[in-house]
Amino acid sequence: MGSMRDVPVDFALAVNELGHAPLSEQEPVERRTVADEVVQRIINLVKSGNLRAGDRLPTENELATAFQISRPSVREGLKMLRILGVTESRQGGRYYVTDLSTSRLIKPIQFVVLLQEYNVATHLEARAAVDFALVRMACERATGEEIQQIQFLAEAGHKFVTDPVGFRLLDVEFHQKINDSARSPMLARISRSLYELGFEFRRIATEIPGVIENSVADHDLIARAIVARKADMAEKAFRQHLEHVRHTTTEAQAIVQNRRRQQVGTPPSAAVRLATQKIPRKARKK
């Protein structure tokens, strides 16, 4: 059995400090949730500061002794922590706490979402939950310089109404600047991940006549609300923008389906015929 000295504090004491009874008095964890309990206890140690980025965890035997559970259960819990991005296995089979970076921790969410068949409604429902919160925070927390940059990016969009590639690059910067100014790194990273999902459909959507003009108008309204620091107005403008995204992404999906039909000689659907017509430009609010 290896030494417990690899951990910055006595491991058993650290567990006790989290509100558990002394290890000798603890009841064994129920088997049906034992791996989850291992995950939760390690995460609690990280949250409390007893375990930090780069620390080497005790051996599986030592963890099994500390938690009064079987070694296979400990191994399963450690694998779950590795999948979550909290730990990593290095040479020799020992586990270490990762750098705990936001990008690392968000990858499991991206992977799970990517495993699902793309659904524009559920995708934008998730975006709404995150992006509405971020745009409200941006109204409260953005610095004067950040507000100027958001306004500049919104105004610059007018120069790209006939340049889909250029607008897509600008669109990324516009939304990222809002997220950064919200001062919520975890939500910002989730937002970026959700933004990137289904991007193939968004690429097609920007080729549809009238779509970029509508997006530019949406950006104008969002930027004005942030400049005025009116959170309700910003959320309303963002809601309108996501509704526009939902509509045009659905049209893009129809175009993709039509391309598949063409490969087998099937006539285009009514949705595709509508999507290829020019979309009326929305009246801009003054």
Protein backbone atom coordinates (compact mmCIF):
# COMPACT_ATOMS: atom_id res chain seq x y z
CA MET A 1 0.00 0.00 0.00
CA GLY A 2 1.37 3.45 -0.96
CA SER A 3 1.90 6.40 1.29
CA MET A 4 -0.76 9.00 2.03
CA ARG A 5 1.86 11.72 1.96
CA ASP A 6 1.19 12.43 -1.73
CA VAL A 7 -1.92 14.37 -0.71
CA PRO A 8 -1.44 17.90 0.76
CA VAL A 9 -3.45 17.04 3.90
CA ASP A 10 -4.25 13.88 5.80
CA PHE A 11 -6.96 12.35 3.64
CA ALA A 12 -9.04 10.84 6.42
CA LEU A 13 -8.99 14.14 8.31
CA ALA A 14 -10.03 16.00 5.19
CA VAL A 15 -13.06 13.76 4.79
CA ASN A 16 -13.98 14.31 8.42
CA GLU A 17 -13.73 18.08 8.02
CA LEU A 18 -16.39 17.93 5.32
CA GLY A 19 -18.96 16.97 7.89
CA HIS A 20 -18.64 13.18 7.76
CA ALA A 21 -18.41 11.10 10.92
CA PRO A 22 -14.96 9.68 11.78
CA LEU A 23 -14.10 7.00 9.23
CA SER A 24 -14.28 4.25 11.83
CA GLU A 25 -17.90 5.21 12.57
CA GLN A 26 -19.12 5.71 9.02
CA GLU A 27 -21.67 3.35 7.56
CA PRO A 28 -20.60 1.73 4.29
CA VAL A 29 -22.01 3.51 1.25
CA GLU A 30 -25.02 1.87 -0.38
CA ARG A 31 -23.80 -0.22 -3.29
CA ARG A 32 -26.21 1.19 -5.85
CA THR A 33 -24.73 4.68 -5.40
CA VAL A 34 -21.23 3.89 -4.26
CA ALA A 35 -19.38 5.15 -7.36
CA ASP A 36 -21.42 8.35 -7.35
CA GLU A 37 -20.54 8.83 -3.69
CA VAL A 38 -16.84 8.49 -4.46
CA VAL A 39 -17.23 11.14 -7.14
CA GLN A 40 -19.08 13.48 -4.80
CA ARG A 41 -16.57 13.09 -1.97
CA ILE A 42 -13.60 13.81 -4.22
CA ILE A 43 -15.37 16.83 -5.71
CA ASN A 44 -16.14 18.06 -2.19
CA LEU A 45 -12.45 17.81 -1.34
CA VAL A 46 -11.61 19.87 -4.41
CA LYS A 47 -14.27 22.46 -3.58
CA SER A 48 -13.03 22.76 -0.01
CA GLY A 49 -9.44 23.27 -1.13
CA ASN A 50 -8.17 20.06 0.44
CA LEU A 51 -7.37 18.83 -3.06
CA ARG A 52 -5.96 21.23 -5.63
CA ALA A 53 -5.00 21.16 -9.29
CA GLY A 54 -1.96 18.92 -9.74
CA ASP A 55 -2.35 16.96 -6.49
CA ARG A 56 -1.86 13.21 -6.69
CA LEU A 57 -4.69 11.17 -5.18
CA PRO A 58 -4.10 8.32 -2.72
CA THR A 59 -3.94 4.81 -4.14
CA GLU A 60 -7.12 2.87 -4.82
CA ASN A 61 -6.44 0.79 -1.71
CA GLU A 62 -6.05 3.89 0.47
CA LEU A 63 -9.24 5.41 -0.91
CA ALA A 64 -11.10 2.17 -0.36
CA THR A 65 -9.91 2.11 3.26
CA ALA A 66 -10.80 5.76 3.86
CA PHE A 67 -14.28 5.42 2.36
CA GLN A 68 -14.88 1.86 3.66
CA ILE A 69 -15.86 0.60 0.24
CA SER A 70 -14.50 -1.92 -2.21
CA ARG A 71 -11.56 -1.21 -4.48
CA PRO A 72 -13.59 -1.90 -7.68
CA SER A 73 -16.11 0.73 -6.57
CA VAL A 74 -13.29 3.22 -6.01
CA ARG A 75 -11.89 2.42 -9.46
CA GLU A 76 -15.29 3.02 -11.04
CA GLY A 77 -15.63 6.36 -9.26
CA LEU A 78 -12.16 7.44 -10.39
CA LYS A 79 -13.04 6.58 -13.98
CA MET A 80 -16.16 8.73 -13.69
CA LEU A 81 -14.06 11.61 -12.37
CA ARG A 82 -11.71 11.21 -15.31
CA ILE A 83 -14.63 11.37 -17.75
CA LEU A 84 -15.82 14.53 -16.01
CA GLY A 85 -12.39 16.08 -16.44
CA VAL A 86 -11.70 16.36 -12.70
CA THR A 87 -8.90 13.78 -12.63
CA GLU A 88 -6.49 12.27 -15.12
CA SER A 89 -4.50 9.04 -15.07
CA ARG A 90 -0.76 9.29 -15.61
CA GLN A 91 2.05 6.81 -15.99
CA GLY A 92 2.03 4.29 -13.18
CA GLY A 93 -1.76 4.24 -12.93
CA ARG A 94 -2.03 7.02 -10.32
CA TYR A 95 -4.71 9.68 -10.57
CA TYR A 96 -4.05 13.41 -10.36
CA VAL A 97 -6.38 16.39 -10.09
CA THR A 98 -6.43 18.17 -13.45
CA ASP A 99 -5.98 21.89 -14.03
CA LEU A 100 -9.79 22.10 -13.63
CA SER A 101 -10.00 24.52 -16.55
CA THR A 102 -13.45 25.46 -17.81
CA SER A 103 -12.69 24.14 -21.29
CA ARG A 104 -11.74 20.74 -19.86
CA LEU A 105 -14.78 20.47 -17.59
CA ILE A 106 -17.25 21.46 -20.30
CA LYS A 107 -16.15 18.79 -22.79
CA PRO A 108 -18.36 16.03 -21.31
CA ILE A 109 -21.41 18.26 -21.83
CA GLN A 110 -20.45 18.84 -25.46
CA PHE A 111 -19.92 15.14 -26.00
CA VAL A 112 -23.26 14.13 -24.52
CA VAL A 113 -25.09 16.71 -26.62
CA LEU A 114 -23.29 15.65 -29.79
CA LEU A 115 -24.39 12.06 -29.21
CA GLN A 116 -28.01 13.17 -29.51
CA GLU A 117 -29.72 13.75 -32.87
CA TYR A 118 -29.73 17.49 -33.52
CA ASN A 119 -33.01 19.15 -32.60
CA VAL A 120 -33.28 22.89 -33.14
CA ALA A 121 -36.04 23.37 -30.55
CA THR A 122 -34.20 21.71 -27.67
CA HIS A 123 -30.92 23.29 -28.74
CA LEU A 124 -32.29 26.82 -28.68
CA GLU A 125 -34.17 26.14 -25.47
CA ALA A 126 -30.79 25.45 -23.86
CA ARG A 127 -29.25 28.51 -25.51
CA ALA A 128 -32.07 30.66 -24.19
CA ALA A 129 -31.57 29.47 -20.62
CA VAL A 130 -27.87 30.37 -20.75
CA ASP A 131 -27.73 33.36 -23.10
CA PHE A 132 -30.57 35.27 -21.47
CA ALA A 133 -28.72 35.12 -18.17
CA LEU A 134 -25.46 36.23 -19.81
CA VAL A 135 -26.93 39.20 -21.64
CA ARG A 136 -28.56 40.40 -18.41
CA MET A 137 -25.22 40.10 -16.61
CA ALA A 138 -23.55 41.99 -19.44
CA CYS A 139 -25.93 44.91 -18.89
CA GLU A 140 -24.84 45.05 -15.26
CA ARG A 141 -21.15 44.16 -15.45
CA ALA A 142 -19.77 45.31 -18.80
CA THR A 143 -17.14 48.02 -18.60
CA GLY A 144 -17.44 51.17 -20.66
CA GLU A 145 -14.81 49.86 -23.06
CA GLU A 146 -16.62 46.54 -23.49
CA ILE A 147 -19.88 48.32 -24.21
CA GLN A 148 -18.15 50.34 -26.91
CA GLN A 149 -16.78 47.14 -28.45
CA ILE A 150 -20.21 45.48 -28.43
CA GLN A 151 -21.68 48.54 -30.09
CA PHE A 152 -18.86 48.64 -32.65
CA LEU A 153 -19.36 44.97 -33.58
CA ALA A 154 -23.10 45.49 -33.98
CA GLU A 155 -22.55 48.48 -36.27
CA ALA A 156 -19.84 46.67 -38.24
CA GLY A 157 -22.37 44.00 -39.14
CA HIS A 158 -23.95 46.35 -41.68
CA LYS A 159 -20.80 46.07 -43.78
CA PHE A 160 -21.19 42.30 -44.09
CA VAL A 161 -24.79 41.91 -45.29
CA THR A 162 -23.51 40.54 -48.61
CA ASP A 163 -20.58 38.60 -47.13
CA PRO A 164 -21.80 35.43 -45.34
CA VAL A 165 -18.30 34.28 -44.40
CA GLY A 166 -17.32 37.65 -42.99
CA PHE A 167 -20.59 37.95 -41.09
CA ARG A 168 -20.20 34.52 -39.50
CA LEU A 169 -16.79 35.55 -38.18
CA LEU A 170 -18.23 38.82 -36.88
CA ASP A 171 -21.17 37.01 -35.32
CA VAL A 172 -18.80 34.84 -33.27
CA GLU A 173 -17.00 37.94 -31.98
CA PHE A 174 -20.24 39.76 -31.15
CA HIS A 175 -21.64 36.96 -29.02
CA GLN A 176 -18.28 36.19 -27.42
CA LYS A 177 -17.84 39.83 -26.40
CA ILE A 178 -21.23 39.80 -24.68
CA ASN A 179 -20.32 36.57 -22.89
CA ASP A 180 -16.93 37.88 -21.77
CA SER A 181 -18.43 41.10 -20.42
CA ALA A 182 -20.88 39.09 -18.28
CA ARG A 183 -17.96 37.97 -16.05
CA SER A 184 -19.29 34.42 -15.75
CA PRO A 185 -16.63 32.12 -17.29
CA MET A 186 -18.48 28.84 -16.83
CA LEU A 187 -21.72 30.12 -18.36
CA ALA A 188 -19.73 31.78 -21.13
CA ARG A 189 -18.04 28.50 -22.01
CA ILE A 190 -21.36 26.65 -22.00
CA SER A 191 -22.81 29.35 -24.24
CA ARG A 192 -19.93 29.01 -26.68
CA SER A 193 -20.38 25.23 -26.78
CA LEU A 194 -24.10 25.58 -27.47
CA TYR A 195 -23.39 28.24 -30.10
CA GLU A 196 -21.09 25.83 -31.94
CA LEU A 197 -23.69 23.04 -32.05
CA GLY A 198 -25.56 22.86 -35.32
CA PHE A 199 -23.19 25.38 -36.87
CA GLU A 200 -23.34 23.57 -40.18
CA PHE A 201 -27.01 24.57 -40.42
CA ARG A 202 -26.18 28.15 -39.45
CA ARG A 203 -23.59 28.26 -42.24
CA ILE A 204 -26.29 27.31 -44.72
CA ALA A 205 -28.78 29.72 -43.16
CA THR A 206 -26.53 32.73 -43.74
CA GLU A 207 -26.64 31.94 -47.46
CA ILE A 208 -30.43 32.44 -47.50
CA PRO A 209 -31.37 35.94 -48.81
CA GLY A 210 -32.41 38.31 -46.03
CA VAL A 211 -31.07 36.28 -43.11
CA ILE A 212 -27.96 38.36 -42.47
CA GLU A 213 -29.93 41.62 -42.64
CA ASN A 214 -32.29 40.31 -39.97
CA SER A 215 -29.42 39.17 -37.76
CA VAL A 216 -27.73 42.56 -38.08
CA ALA A 217 -30.97 44.24 -37.02
CA ASP A 218 -31.18 41.87 -34.03
CA HIS A 219 -27.61 42.72 -33.03
CA ASP A 220 -28.45 46.42 -33.20
CA LEU A 221 -31.30 45.99 -30.73
CA ILE A 222 -29.26 43.85 -28.37
CA ALA A 223 -26.36 46.31 -28.42
CA ARG A 224 -28.62 49.30 -27.80
CA ALA A 225 -30.13 47.61 -24.77
CA ILE A 226 -26.69 46.80 -23.35
CA VAL A 227 -25.51 50.38 -23.98
CA ALA A 228 -28.58 51.59 -22.05
CA ARG A 229 -27.94 48.89 -19.40
CA LYS A 230 -31.56 47.77 -19.63
CA ALA A 231 -31.54 44.06 -18.85
CA ASP A 232 -35.23 43.43 -19.64
CA MET A 233 -34.87 45.09 -23.01
CA ALA A 234 -31.69 43.13 -23.75
CA GLU A 235 -33.34 39.82 -22.92
CA LYS A 236 -36.34 40.69 -25.10
CA ALA A 237 -34.04 41.57 -28.01
CA PHE A 238 -32.07 38.36 -27.53
CA ARG A 239 -35.30 36.36 -27.40
CA GLN A 240 -36.29 37.86 -30.75
CA HIS A 241 -32.86 37.00 -32.12
CA LEU A 242 -33.10 33.34 -31.06
CA GLU A 243 -36.56 33.10 -32.59
CA HIS A 244 -35.04 34.36 -35.83
CA VAL A 245 -32.26 31.78 -35.47
CA ARG A 246 -34.81 29.02 -34.85
CA HIS A 247 -36.78 29.93 -37.95
CA THR A 248 -33.80 30.16 -40.29
CA THR A 249 -32.08 27.08 -38.87
CA THR A 250 -35.26 25.11 -39.54
CA GLU A 251 -35.17 26.40 -43.11
CA ALA A 252 -31.54 25.35 -43.40
CA GLN A 253 -32.47 21.87 -42.21
CA ALA A 254 -35.11 21.74 -44.95
CA ILE A 255 -32.48 22.68 -47.52
CA VAL A 256 -30.23 19.87 -46.31
CA GLN A 257 -33.13 17.44 -46.53
CA ASN A 258 -33.85 18.66 -50.06
CA ARG A 259 -30.26 17.98 -51.09
CA ARG A 260 -30.69 14.45 -49.87
CA ARG A 261 -33.94 14.13 -51.83
CA GLN A 262 -32.19 15.34 -54.96
CA GLN A 263 -29.67 12.56 -54.58
CA VAL A 264 -32.51 10.04 -54.87
CA GLY A 265 -34.61 12.06 -57.34
CA THR A 266 -37.38 13.20 -54.95
CA PRO A 267 -39.06 16.63 -55.58
CA PRO A 268 -38.21 19.45 -53.10
CA SER A 269 -40.54 20.08 -50.19
CA ALA A 270 -42.71 23.18 -49.77
CA ALA A 271 -40.47 24.28 -46.89
CA VAL A 272 -37.46 24.34 -49.18
CA ARG A 273 -39.29 26.33 -51.84
CA LEU A 274 -40.23 28.89 -49.19
CA ALA A 275 -36.71 29.00 -47.74
CA THR A 276 -35.15 29.82 -51.08
CA GLN A 277 -37.40 32.87 -51.52
CA LYS A 278 -36.17 36.22 -50.25
CA ILE A 279 -37.00 36.79 -46.57
CA PRO A 280 -38.52 40.25 -45.97
CA ARG A 281 -36.20 42.55 -44.08
CA LYS A 282 -37.53 43.36 -40.62
CA ALA A 283 -38.42 46.91 -39.86
CA ARG A 284 -35.77 48.31 -37.54
CA LYS A 285 -36.82 50.02 -34.37
CA LYS A 286 -35.51 53.50 -33.95
